[in-house]
């Protein structure tokens, strides 16, 4: 039973992590869509602490694209871990039911 409780806790943490990653993905996707509406000579600024610094549009777009790729890979990893944890939970439940 303790193992099952630990797996449930782990599953909840993974689901929370996935939710945060999906939120970050959507935010970056919106930024990417905004870049597509800008002219190539548009000014882009990046907020660093309390300061807005001018940034090259192409560089900013590359950063967002890399961030999207990274977040997508992290979502895939979390999904695999969720599936694995669910399978472990199912196996453990079945063994607990058969021993009762």
Protein backbone atom coordinates (compact mmCIF):
# COMPACT_ATOMS: atom_id res chain seq x y z
CA UNK A 1 0.00 0.00 0.00
CA UNK A 2 2.89 2.35 0.79
CA UNK A 3 4.31 1.81 -2.69
CA UNK A 4 0.94 2.62 -4.23
CA UNK A 5 0.70 5.81 -2.17
CA UNK A 6 4.19 6.85 -3.29
CA UNK A 7 3.32 6.16 -6.92
CA UNK A 8 0.14 8.23 -6.61
CA UNK A 9 2.14 11.11 -5.14
CA UNK A 10 4.70 10.80 -7.94
CA UNK A 11 1.92 10.74 -10.53
CA UNK A 12 0.39 13.92 -9.11
CA UNK A 13 3.78 15.66 -9.26
CA UNK A 14 4.27 14.55 -12.87
CA UNK A 15 0.83 15.80 -13.86
CA UNK A 16 1.54 19.14 -12.18
CA UNK A 17 4.85 19.35 -14.03
CA UNK A 18 3.15 18.58 -17.34
CA UNK A 19 0.57 21.30 -16.71
CA UNK A 20 3.31 23.87 -16.07
CA UNK A 21 5.16 22.80 -19.20
CA UNK A 22 2.02 23.02 -21.31
CA UNK A 23 1.38 26.52 -19.99
CA UNK A 24 4.93 27.55 -20.88
CA UNK A 25 4.53 25.98 -24.32
CA UNK A 26 1.32 27.92 -25.00
CA UNK A 27 2.89 31.19 -23.83
CA UNK A 28 5.88 30.70 -26.13
CA UNK A 29 3.61 29.69 -28.99
CA UNK A 30 1.75 32.99 -28.59
CA UNK A 31 5.07 34.87 -28.65
CA UNK A 32 6.05 33.02 -31.84
CA UNK A 33 2.74 33.99 -33.45
CA UNK A 34 3.36 37.61 -32.49
CA UNK A 35 6.79 37.49 -34.15
CA UNK A 36 5.12 36.35 -37.37
CA UNK A 37 3.02 39.52 -37.44
CA UNK A 38 6.06 41.81 -37.10
CA UNK A 39 8.01 43.35 -39.96
CA UNK A 40 11.63 42.25 -40.33
CA UNK A 41 12.82 45.71 -39.24
CA UNK A 42 10.60 45.87 -36.13
CA UNK A 43 12.15 46.55 -32.77
CA UNK A 44 12.06 43.74 -30.22
CA UNK A 45 12.81 44.21 -26.54
CA UNK A 46 13.58 41.66 -23.88
CA UNK A 47 12.75 42.24 -20.23
CA UNK A 48 15.75 41.44 -18.05
CA UNK A 49 14.99 42.30 -14.45
CA UNK A 50 13.65 45.86 -14.40
CA UNK A 51 15.30 46.77 -17.74
CA UNK A 52 14.10 46.44 -21.33
CA UNK A 53 17.01 45.62 -23.66
CA UNK A 54 16.79 45.90 -27.42
CA UNK A 55 17.27 42.51 -29.09
CA UNK A 56 17.69 41.40 -32.68
CA UNK A 57 14.37 40.06 -33.99
CA UNK A 58 15.96 36.99 -35.61
CA UNK A 59 17.85 36.16 -32.43
CA UNK A 60 14.67 36.52 -30.35
CA UNK A 61 12.77 34.27 -32.77
CA UNK A 62 15.52 31.66 -32.62
CA UNK A 63 15.40 31.73 -28.82
CA UNK A 64 11.65 31.20 -28.80
CA UNK A 65 11.90 28.36 -31.33
CA UNK A 66 14.61 26.65 -29.25
CA UNK A 67 12.51 27.11 -26.14
CA UNK A 68 9.51 25.52 -27.89
CA UNK A 69 11.64 22.55 -28.96
CA UNK A 70 13.02 22.11 -25.44
CA UNK A 71 9.59 22.35 -23.82
CA UNK A 72 8.15 19.86 -26.34
CA UNK A 73 10.91 17.38 -25.50
CA UNK A 74 10.29 17.86 -21.77
CA UNK A 75 6.55 17.29 -22.25
CA UNK A 76 7.32 14.04 -24.09
CA UNK A 77 9.59 12.90 -21.24
CA UNK A 78 6.97 13.71 -18.63
CA UNK A 79 4.31 11.90 -20.67
CA UNK A 80 6.52 8.80 -20.78
CA UNK A 81 7.05 9.00 -17.03
CA UNK A 82 3.31 9.40 -16.44
CA UNK A 83 2.56 6.36 -18.58
CA UNK A 84 5.24 4.32 -16.83
CA UNK A 85 3.97 5.34 -13.39
CA UNK A 86 0.39 4.49 -14.35
CA UNK A 87 1.51 1.06 -15.56
CA UNK A 88 3.39 0.44 -12.32
CA UNK A 89 0.32 1.48 -10.34
CA UNK A 90 -1.90 -0.85 -12.34
CA UNK A 91 0.49 -3.76 -11.83
CA UNK A 92 0.71 -3.04 -8.11
CA UNK A 93 -3.09 -2.79 -7.79
CA UNK A 94 -3.51 -6.12 -9.55
CA UNK A 95 -0.99 -7.80 -7.27
CA UNK A 96 -2.67 -6.30 -4.21
CA UNK A 97 -6.09 -7.48 -5.37
CA UNK A 98 -4.86 -10.99 -6.04
CA UNK A 99 -3.25 -11.22 -2.60
CA UNK A 100 -6.45 -10.21 -0.81
